[in-house]
Every structure is written in C-alpha cells, then in structure tokens.
Amino acid sequence: MIDTECFAESVVGCRILIEANCEGCSFRKSQKEYEASMKTSYERLRGLPEEQQQAIAAKYYKNKKMWCDGYAT
C-alpha cells in the first residue's frame, strides 16, 4: 500500500526505500513532520562549534552547510 501523505512519496515511488512498503515504515512522516524534524536538526547543527560544522559539511553535504541561512529547509 502506498502512503500518499508521506513526505518521501513521489511520482516514481518512495524516495527513501528501493521498494515502497509503507505499512509499518519507520521513515513515514507527513510533510509537516518532516519539515519540523529538519528544522530541529538544522538548529542543532547551527549550535555546534564552527570546526565541527565544517567537518560535517565536508563529510555529508559536499562542503555546503545546508543548515545555515541562505539554504531552504
């Protein structure tokens, strides 16, 4: 069963999992829940020391600090 209310659902299927199996999926969130989760994550990242932020940006975000102002959440 496909969950059309989930943030990860797209025209081509689930953007998180290879096979969409929405029932009991631990990634399932509404768009509003997803945005709130990202906001919280970005706030935590902004609170880290600059050198830690740089290391995280380099390792996971191709040196872009997505949590800084100027990037959409």
PDB file of N, CA and C in Angstrom:
ATOM      1  N   MET A   1       0.841  -1.178   0.000  1.00  0.00           N
ATOM      2  CA  MET A   1       0.000   0.000   0.000  1.00  0.00           C
ATOM      3  C   MET A   1       0.892   1.249   0.000  1.00  0.00           C
ATOM      4  N   ILE A   2       0.618   2.184  -0.889  1.00  0.00           N
ATOM      5  CA  ILE A   2       1.375   3.432  -0.988  1.00  0.00           C
ATOM      6  C   ILE A   2       0.707   4.499  -0.119  1.00  0.00           C
ATOM      7  N   ASP A   3       1.504   5.228   0.640  1.00  0.00           N
ATOM      8  CA  ASP A   3       1.019   6.274   1.536  1.00  0.00           C
ATOM      9  C   ASP A   3       1.222   7.627   0.861  1.00  0.00           C
ATOM     10  N   THR A   4       0.169   8.191   0.324  1.00  0.00           N
ATOM     11  CA  THR A   4       0.287   9.452  -0.413  1.00  0.00           C
ATOM     12  C   THR A   4       0.491  10.653   0.508  1.00  0.00           C
ATOM     13  N   GLU A   5       0.351  10.469   1.812  1.00  0.00           N
ATOM     14  CA  GLU A   5       0.561  11.559   2.766  1.00  0.00           C
ATOM     15  C   GLU A   5       2.013  11.645   3.240  1.00  0.00           C
ATOM     16  N   CYS A   6       2.838  10.687   2.876  1.00  0.00           N
ATOM     17  CA  CYS A   6       4.222  10.632   3.342  1.00  0.00           C
ATOM     18  C   CYS A   6       5.102  11.599   2.538  1.00  0.00           C
ATOM     19  N   PHE A   7       6.021  12.277   3.212  1.00  0.00           N
ATOM     20  CA  PHE A   7       6.925  13.226   2.554  1.00  0.00           C
ATOM     21  C   PHE A   7       7.798  12.556   1.496  1.00  0.00           C
ATOM     22  N   ALA A   8       8.094  11.273   1.665  1.00  0.00           N
ATOM     23  CA  ALA A   8       9.014  10.571   0.770  1.00  0.00           C
ATOM     24  C   ALA A   8       8.337  10.053  -0.497  1.00  0.00           C
ATOM     25  N   GLU A   9       7.030  10.083  -0.542  1.00  0.00           N
ATOM     26  CA  GLU A   9       6.313   9.578  -1.712  1.00  0.00           C
ATOM     27  C   GLU A   9       6.433  10.569  -2.871  1.00  0.00           C
ATOM     28  N   SER A  10       6.790  10.059  -4.032  1.00  0.00           N
ATOM     29  CA  SER A  10       6.887  10.886  -5.242  1.00  0.00           C
ATOM     30  C   SER A  10       6.172  10.188  -6.384  1.00  0.00           C
ATOM     31  N   VAL A  11       6.198  10.797  -7.522  1.00  0.00           N
ATOM     32  CA  VAL A  11       5.545  10.239  -8.707  1.00  0.00           C
ATOM     33  C   VAL A  11       6.122   8.874  -9.065  1.00  0.00           C
ATOM     34  N   VAL A  12       7.419   8.701  -8.854  1.00  0.00           N
ATOM     35  CA  VAL A  12       8.088   7.442  -9.212  1.00  0.00           C
ATOM     36  C   VAL A  12       8.167   6.452  -8.058  1.00  0.00           C
ATOM     37  N   GLY A  13       7.643   6.780  -6.896  1.00  0.00           N
ATOM     38  CA  GLY A  13       7.663   5.878  -5.751  1.00  0.00           C
ATOM     39  C   GLY A  13       8.338   6.508  -4.549  1.00  0.00           C
ATOM     40  N   CYS A  14       8.802   5.677  -3.658  1.00  0.00           N
ATOM     41  CA  CYS A  14       9.433   6.139  -2.430  1.00  0.00           C
ATOM     42  C   CYS A  14      10.844   6.666  -2.717  1.00  0.00           C
ATOM     43  N   ARG A  15      11.147   7.858  -2.169  1.00  0.00           N
ATOM     44  CA  ARG A  15      12.478   8.444  -2.357  1.00  0.00           C
ATOM     45  C   ARG A  15      13.483   7.923  -1.330  1.00  0.00           C
ATOM     46  N   ILE A  16      13.016   7.171  -0.333  1.00  0.00           N
ATOM     47  CA  ILE A  16      13.888   6.675   0.727  1.00  0.00           C
ATOM     48  C   ILE A  16      14.259   5.214   0.507  1.00  0.00           C
ATOM     49  N   LEU A  17      13.266   4.394   0.220  1.00  0.00           N
ATOM     50  CA  LEU A  17      13.475   2.957   0.096  1.00  0.00           C
ATOM     51  C   LEU A  17      13.420   2.511  -1.360  1.00  0.00           C
ATOM     52  N   ILE A  18      14.114   1.453  -1.681  1.00  0.00           N
ATOM     53  CA  ILE A  18      14.091   0.908  -3.039  1.00  0.00           C
ATOM     54  C   ILE A  18      12.713   0.345  -3.348  1.00  0.00           C
ATOM     55  N   GLU A  19      12.168  -0.406  -2.410  1.00  0.00           N
ATOM     56  CA  GLU A  19      10.828  -0.960  -2.562  1.00  0.00           C
ATOM     57  C   GLU A  19       9.905  -0.274  -1.567  1.00  0.00           C
ATOM     58  N   ALA A  20       8.847   0.342  -2.065  1.00  0.00           N
ATOM     59  CA  ALA A  20       7.910   1.026  -1.182  1.00  0.00           C
ATOM     60  C   ALA A  20       7.047   0.003  -0.454  1.00  0.00           C
ATOM     61  N   ASN A  21       7.156  -0.001   0.858  1.00  0.00           N
ATOM     62  CA  ASN A  21       6.302  -0.812   1.707  1.00  0.00           C
ATOM     63  C   ASN A  21       5.918   0.093   2.868  1.00  0.00           C
ATOM     64  N   CYS A  22       4.898   0.894   2.672  1.00  0.00           N
ATOM     65  CA  CYS A  22       4.541   1.960   3.605  1.00  0.00           C
ATOM     66  C   CYS A  22       4.019   1.457   4.946  1.00  0.00           C
ATOM     67  N   GLU A  23       3.372   0.294   4.943  1.00  0.00           N
ATOM     68  CA  GLU A  23       2.790  -0.228   6.173  1.00  0.00           C
ATOM     69  C   GLU A  23       3.892  -0.553   7.176  1.00  0.00           C
ATOM     70  N   GLY A  24       3.896   0.144   8.303  1.00  0.00           N
ATOM     71  CA  GLY A  24       4.892  -0.071   9.337  1.00  0.00           C
ATOM     72  C   GLY A  24       6.248   0.557   9.055  1.00  0.00           C
ATOM     73  N   CYS A  25       6.354   1.395   8.043  1.00  0.00           N
ATOM     74  CA  CYS A  25       7.627   2.010   7.681  1.00  0.00           C
ATOM     75  C   CYS A  25       8.074   2.996   8.760  1.00  0.00           C
ATOM     76  N   SER A  26       9.305   2.843   9.228  1.00  0.00           N
ATOM     77  CA  SER A  26       9.816   3.716  10.284  1.00  0.00           C
ATOM     78  C   SER A  26      10.216   5.100   9.762  1.00  0.00           C
ATOM     79  N   PHE A  27      10.300   5.268   8.448  1.00  0.00           N
ATOM     80  CA  PHE A  27      10.631   6.570   7.865  1.00  0.00           C
ATOM     81  C   PHE A  27       9.390   7.420   7.626  1.00  0.00           C
ATOM     82  N   ARG A  28       8.203   6.854   7.764  1.00  0.00           N
ATOM     83  CA  ARG A  28       6.961   7.534   7.423  1.00  0.00           C
ATOM     84  C   ARG A  28       6.754   8.796   8.266  1.00  0.00           C
ATOM     85  N   LYS A  29       6.608   9.926   7.573  1.00  0.00           N
ATOM     86  CA  LYS A  29       6.307  11.214   8.197  1.00  0.00           C
ATOM     87  C   LYS A  29       5.472  12.014   7.216  1.00  0.00           C
ATOM     88  N   SER A  30       4.612  12.856   7.753  1.00  0.00           N
ATOM     89  CA  SER A  30       3.900  13.796   6.884  1.00  0.00           C
ATOM     90  C   SER A  30       4.893  14.886   6.469  1.00  0.00           C
ATOM     91  N   GLN A  31       4.540  15.668   5.490  1.00  0.00           N
ATOM     92  CA  GLN A  31       5.411  16.756   5.057  1.00  0.00           C
ATOM     93  C   GLN A  31       5.670  17.729   6.211  1.00  0.00           C
ATOM     94  N   LYS A  32       4.630  17.998   6.991  1.00  0.00           N
ATOM     95  CA  LYS A  32       4.753  18.922   8.124  1.00  0.00           C
ATOM     96  C   LYS A  32       5.706  18.351   9.177  1.00  0.00           C
ATOM     97  N   GLU A  33       5.606  17.050   9.479  1.00  0.00           N
ATOM     98  CA  GLU A  33       6.502  16.407  10.440  1.00  0.00           C
ATOM     99  C   GLU A  33       7.940  16.413   9.929  1.00  0.00           C
ATOM    100  N   TYR A  34       8.105  16.163   8.633  1.00  0.00           N
ATOM    101  CA  TYR A  34       9.438  16.180   8.018  1.00  0.00           C
ATOM    102  C   TYR A  34      10.083  17.560   8.150  1.00  0.00           C
ATOM    103  N   GLU A  35       9.325  18.608   7.840  1.00  0.00           N
ATOM    104  CA  GLU A  35       9.852  19.970   7.928  1.00  0.00           C
ATOM    105  C   GLU A  35      10.233  20.328   9.362  1.00  0.00           C
ATOM    106  N   ALA A  36       9.404  19.922  10.332  1.00  0.00           N
ATOM    107  CA  ALA A  36       9.712  20.190  11.746  1.00  0.00           C
ATOM    108  C   ALA A  36      10.980  19.439  12.159  1.00  0.00           C
ATOM    109  N   SER A  37      11.132  18.212  11.694  1.00  0.00           N
ATOM    110  CA  SER A  37      12.313  17.414  12.005  1.00  0.00           C
ATOM    111  C   SER A  37      13.575  18.049  11.421  1.00  0.00           C
ATOM    112  N   MET A  38      13.498  18.518  10.183  1.00  0.00           N
ATOM    113  CA  MET A  38      14.643  19.169   9.550  1.00  0.00           C
ATOM    114  C   MET A  38      15.000  20.468  10.261  1.00  0.00           C
ATOM    115  N   LYS A  39      13.996  21.215  10.671  1.00  0.00           N
ATOM    116  CA  LYS A  39      14.242  22.466  11.386  1.00  0.00           C
ATOM    117  C   LYS A  39      14.997  22.189  12.685  1.00  0.00           C
ATOM    118  N   THR A  40      14.556  21.179  13.427  1.00  0.00           N
ATOM    119  CA  THR A  40      15.216  20.800  14.674  1.00  0.00           C
ATOM    120  C   THR A  40      16.659  20.354  14.420  1.00  0.00           C
ATOM    121  N   SER A  41      16.854  19.554  13.388  1.00  0.00           N
ATOM    122  CA  SER A  41      18.202  19.074  13.048  1.00  0.00           C
ATOM    123  C   SER A  41      19.118  20.236  12.691  1.00  0.00           C
ATOM    124  N   TYR A  42      18.623  21.150  11.877  1.00  0.00           N
ATOM    125  CA  TYR A  42      19.430  22.295  11.457  1.00  0.00           C
ATOM    126  C   TYR A  42      19.753  23.206  12.636  1.00  0.00           C
ATOM    127  N   GLU A  43      18.822  23.352  13.572  1.00  0.00           N
ATOM    128  CA  GLU A  43      19.095  24.159  14.763  1.00  0.00           C
ATOM    129  C   GLU A  43      20.218  23.531  15.593  1.00  0.00           C
ATOM    130  N   ARG A  44      20.195  22.215  15.725  1.00  0.00           N
ATOM    131  CA  ARG A  44      21.253  21.509  16.468  1.00  0.00           C
ATOM    132  C   ARG A  44      22.601  21.681  15.767  1.00  0.00           C
ATOM    133  N   LEU A  45      22.618  21.567  14.455  1.00  0.00           N
ATOM    134  CA  LEU A  45      23.869  21.728  13.711  1.00  0.00           C
ATOM    135  C   LEU A  45      24.410  23.153  13.845  1.00  0.00           C
ATOM    136  N   ARG A  46      23.543  24.164  13.795  1.00  0.00           N
ATOM    137  CA  ARG A  46      23.985  25.559  13.947  1.00  0.00           C
ATOM    138  C   ARG A  46      24.584  25.813  15.320  1.00  0.00           C
ATOM    139  N   GLY A  47      24.198  25.020  16.325  1.00  0.00           N
ATOM    140  CA  GLY A  47      24.699  25.192  17.678  1.00  0.00           C
ATOM    141  C   GLY A  47      26.064  24.568  17.917  1.00  0.00           C
ATOM    142  N   LEU A  48      26.558  23.816  16.966  1.00  0.00           N
ATOM    143  CA  LEU A  48      27.868  23.175  17.115  1.00  0.00           C
ATOM    144  C   LEU A  48      28.998  24.168  16.850  1.00  0.00           C
ATOM    145  N   PRO A  49      30.187  23.894  17.382  1.00  0.00           N
ATOM    146  CA  PRO A  49      31.340  24.738  17.076  1.00  0.00           C
ATOM    147  C   PRO A  49      31.614  24.744  15.558  1.00  0.00           C
ATOM    148  N   GLU A  50      32.159  25.824  15.071  1.00  0.00           N
ATOM    149  CA  GLU A  50      32.383  26.007  13.632  1.00  0.00           C
ATOM    150  C   GLU A  50      33.190  24.871  13.006  1.00  0.00           C
ATOM    151  N   GLU A  51      34.245  24.425  13.701  1.00  0.00           N
ATOM    152  CA  GLU A  51      35.071  23.360  13.108  1.00  0.00           C
ATOM    153  C   GLU A  51      34.292  22.048  12.981  1.00  0.00           C
ATOM    154  N   GLN A  52      33.386  21.797  13.921  1.00  0.00           N
ATOM    155  CA  GLN A  52      32.542  20.605  13.830  1.00  0.00           C
ATOM    156  C   GLN A  52      31.549  20.734  12.673  1.00  0.00           C
ATOM    157  N   GLN A  53      30.997  21.922  12.508  1.00  0.00           N
ATOM    158  CA  GLN A  53      30.080  22.157  11.388  1.00  0.00           C
ATOM    159  C   GLN A  53      30.796  21.940  10.056  1.00  0.00           C
ATOM    160  N   GLN A  54      32.012  22.439   9.962  1.00  0.00           N
ATOM    161  CA  GLN A  54      32.799  22.273   8.728  1.00  0.00           C
ATOM    162  C   GLN A  54      33.052  20.805   8.434  1.00  0.00           C
ATOM    163  N   ALA A  55      33.389  20.038   9.472  1.00  0.00           N
ATOM    164  CA  ALA A  55      33.666  18.612   9.291  1.00  0.00           C
ATOM    165  C   ALA A  55      32.412  17.870   8.817  1.00  0.00           C
ATOM    166  N   ILE A  56      31.278  18.189   9.388  1.00  0.00           N
ATOM    167  CA  ILE A  56      30.016  17.553   8.981  1.00  0.00           C
ATOM    168  C   ILE A  56      29.660  17.950   7.554  1.00  0.00           C
ATOM    169  N   ALA A  57      29.824  19.228   7.236  1.00  0.00           N
ATOM    170  CA  ALA A  57      29.531  19.701   5.873  1.00  0.00           C
ATOM    171  C   ALA A  57      30.424  18.995   4.856  1.00  0.00           C
ATOM    172  N   ALA A  58      31.682  18.824   5.187  1.00  0.00           N
ATOM    173  CA  ALA A  58      32.619  18.171   4.268  1.00  0.00           C
ATOM    174  C   ALA A  58      32.276  16.699   4.073  1.00  0.00           C
ATOM    175  N   LYS A  59      31.913  16.032   5.151  1.00  0.00           N
ATOM    176  CA  LYS A  59      31.667  14.590   5.081  1.00  0.00           C
ATOM    177  C   LYS A  59      30.327  14.237   4.440  1.00  0.00           C
ATOM    178  N   TYR A  60      29.276  15.003   4.736  1.00  0.00           N
ATOM    179  CA  TYR A  60      27.932  14.606   4.321  1.00  0.00           C
ATOM    180  C   TYR A  60      27.249  15.520   3.307  1.00  0.00           C
ATOM    181  N   TYR A  61      27.711  16.760   3.157  1.00  0.00           N
ATOM    182  CA  TYR A  61      26.986  17.740   2.356  1.00  0.00           C
ATOM    183  C   TYR A  61      27.840  18.415   1.283  1.00  0.00           C
ATOM    184  N   LYS A  62      28.879  17.760   0.828  1.00  0.00           N
ATOM    185  CA  LYS A  62      29.756  18.314  -0.215  1.00  0.00           C
ATOM    186  C   LYS A  62      30.216  19.729   0.127  1.00  0.00           C
ATOM    187  N   ASN A  63      30.632  19.909   1.372  1.00  0.00           N
ATOM    188  CA  ASN A  63      31.151  21.177   1.901  1.00  0.00           C
ATOM    189  C   ASN A  63      30.131  22.309   1.958  1.00  0.00           C
ATOM    190  N   LYS A  64      28.855  21.996   1.835  1.00  0.00           N
ATOM    191  CA  LYS A  64      27.816  23.031   1.938  1.00  0.00           C
ATOM    192  C   LYS A  64      27.128  22.904   3.284  1.00  0.00           C
ATOM    193  N   LYS A  65      27.084  23.991   4.018  1.00  0.00           N
ATOM    194  CA  LYS A  65      26.396  23.988   5.300  1.00  0.00           C
ATOM    195  C   LYS A  65      24.917  24.276   5.048  1.00  0.00           C
ATOM    196  N   MET A  66      24.169  23.222   4.783  1.00  0.00           N
ATOM    197  CA  MET A  66      22.754  23.325   4.413  1.00  0.00           C
ATOM    198  C   MET A  66      21.910  23.941   5.525  1.00  0.00           C
ATOM    199  N   TRP A  67      22.369  23.907   6.743  1.00  0.00           N
ATOM    200  CA  TRP A  67      21.628  24.398   7.886  1.00  0.00           C
ATOM    201  C   TRP A  67      21.828  25.887   8.128  1.00  0.00           C
ATOM    202  N   CYS A  68      22.696  26.524   7.359  1.00  0.00           N
ATOM    203  CA  CYS A  68      22.918  27.964   7.526  1.00  0.00           C
ATOM    204  C   CYS A  68      21.882  28.761   6.735  1.00  0.00           C
ATOM    205  N   ASP A  69      21.720  29.997   7.116  1.00  0.00           N
ATOM    206  CA  ASP A  69      20.808  30.884   6.387  1.00  0.00           C
ATOM    207  C   ASP A  69      21.215  30.930   4.926  1.00  0.00           C
ATOM    208  N   GLY A  70      20.264  31.039   4.061  1.00  0.00           N
ATOM    209  CA  GLY A  70      20.535  31.054   2.633  1.00  0.00           C
ATOM    210  C   GLY A  70      20.159  29.751   1.963  1.00  0.00           C
ATOM    211  N   TYR A  71      19.977  28.709   2.756  1.00  0.00           N
ATOM    212  CA  TYR A  71      19.521  27.422   2.232  1.00  0.00           C
ATOM    213  C   TYR A  71      18.107  27.167   2.738  1.00  0.00           C
ATOM    214  N   ALA A  72      17.281  26.650   1.874  1.00  0.00           N
ATOM    215  CA  ALA A  72      15.897  26.332   2.254  1.00  0.00           C
ATOM    216  C   ALA A  72      15.880  25.093   3.137  1.00  0.00           C
ATOM    217  N   THR A  73      14.951  25.061   4.085  1.00  0.00           N
ATOM    218  CA  THR A  73      14.801  23.872   4.932  1.00  0.00           C
ATOM    219  C   THR A  73      13.759  22.955   4.374  1.00  0.00           C
TER     220      THR A  73
END
